[in-house]
Amino acid sequence: MNTEQFKNPMHGVTLESVVVKLVEHYGWDELANRIKINCFKNDPSVKSSLKFLRKTPWAREQVEQLYLSTFAAQTEVRKS
C-alpha cells in the first residue's frame, strides 16, 4: 500500500460526497458565506458545483480544507 495515500485524509473520499456532506451540514447559504464562489451562491446544485470544482483547483482546495476542518474528528475516529 502506498504510505503517502494512507496519510492523505482525502484518500477514498469523492468530491461529490464532500460537497453533499458540506451542504447537509451547512446548507448552501452558509457554504456560500464560508467559501466565496458563485456556484454556491447563484442557483446552487451539487452537479454545477462539481463541474466548477473539478475545473478550478483553488476552489476545490478550499472546499476540501473546509471539509477536513469540519469533519476532522470523524475522520480520525474512522482511522482508529
Protein backbone atom coordinates (compact mmCIF):
# COMPACT_ATOMS: atom_id res chain seq x y z
CA MET A 1 0.00 0.00 0.00
CA ASN A 2 1.25 3.47 -0.81
CA THR A 3 2.03 5.11 2.55
CA GLU A 4 1.58 8.57 1.03
CA GLN A 5 -2.05 7.76 0.22
CA PHE A 6 -2.55 6.20 3.63
CA LYS A 7 -1.58 9.52 5.22
CA ASN A 8 -3.87 11.50 2.89
CA PRO A 9 -7.12 12.19 4.80
CA MET A 10 -8.96 12.71 1.48
CA HIS A 11 -7.96 9.31 0.10
CA GLY A 12 -11.07 7.40 -0.92
CA VAL A 13 -13.40 10.37 -0.38
CA THR A 14 -15.14 11.52 -3.55
CA LEU A 15 -15.63 15.18 -4.35
CA GLU A 16 -19.35 14.54 -4.65
CA SER A 17 -19.54 13.10 -1.13
CA VAL A 18 -17.56 16.10 0.17
CA VAL A 19 -19.98 18.59 -1.40
CA VAL A 20 -23.08 16.65 -0.31
CA LYS A 21 -21.86 16.32 3.27
CA LEU A 22 -20.94 20.02 3.49
CA VAL A 23 -24.35 21.04 2.10
CA GLU A 24 -26.12 18.76 4.59
CA HIS A 25 -24.07 20.24 7.43
CA TYR A 26 -24.04 23.95 6.49
CA GLY A 27 -26.67 24.44 3.78
CA TRP A 28 -26.00 26.38 0.57
CA ASP A 29 -26.25 29.85 2.15
CA GLU A 30 -23.69 29.21 4.86
CA LEU A 31 -21.44 27.35 2.45
CA ALA A 32 -21.51 30.41 0.16
CA ASN A 33 -20.61 32.60 3.15
CA ARG A 34 -17.65 30.42 4.05
CA ILE A 35 -16.36 29.90 0.50
CA LYS A 36 -16.95 32.81 -1.86
CA ILE A 37 -17.69 31.08 -5.16
CA ASN A 38 -20.69 31.69 -7.41
CA CYS A 39 -21.66 28.04 -7.78
CA PHE A 40 -22.62 28.11 -4.08
CA LYS A 41 -24.42 31.47 -4.33
CA ASN A 42 -26.38 31.54 -7.60
CA ASP A 43 -28.83 28.69 -8.19
CA PRO A 44 -26.62 26.14 -6.40
CA SER A 45 -26.71 22.43 -7.12
CA VAL A 46 -24.37 19.54 -6.49
CA LYS A 47 -23.98 18.98 -10.24
CA SER A 48 -22.98 22.58 -11.06
CA SER A 49 -20.67 22.72 -8.05
CA LEU A 50 -18.88 19.53 -9.06
CA LYS A 51 -18.43 20.80 -12.61
CA PHE A 52 -16.85 24.03 -11.35
CA LEU A 53 -14.73 22.43 -8.63
CA ARG A 54 -13.27 19.84 -11.00
CA LYS A 55 -12.05 22.63 -13.28
CA THR A 56 -10.86 25.01 -10.55
CA PRO A 57 -8.10 23.68 -8.29
CA TRP A 58 -8.01 26.67 -5.89
CA ALA A 59 -11.76 26.35 -5.20
CA ARG A 60 -11.54 22.58 -4.77
CA GLU A 61 -8.71 23.09 -2.29
CA GLN A 62 -10.86 25.47 -0.22
CA VAL A 63 -13.78 23.02 -0.23
CA GLU A 64 -11.53 20.13 0.81
CA GLN A 65 -9.97 22.23 3.59
CA LEU A 66 -13.41 23.17 4.93
CA TYR A 67 -14.43 19.52 4.80
CA LEU A 68 -11.34 18.46 6.72
CA SER A 69 -11.67 21.19 9.34
CA THR A 70 -15.37 20.48 9.79
CA PHE A 71 -15.21 16.71 9.97
CA ALA A 72 -11.64 16.15 11.23
CA ALA A 73 -12.76 14.44 14.43
CA GLN A 74 -14.94 12.00 12.48
CA THR A 75 -12.09 11.29 10.04
CA GLU A 76 -9.73 10.46 12.92
CA VAL A 77 -12.28 8.11 14.51
CA ARG A 78 -12.64 6.13 11.25
CA LYS A 79 -8.86 5.62 11.02
CA SER A 80 -8.58 4.19 14.55
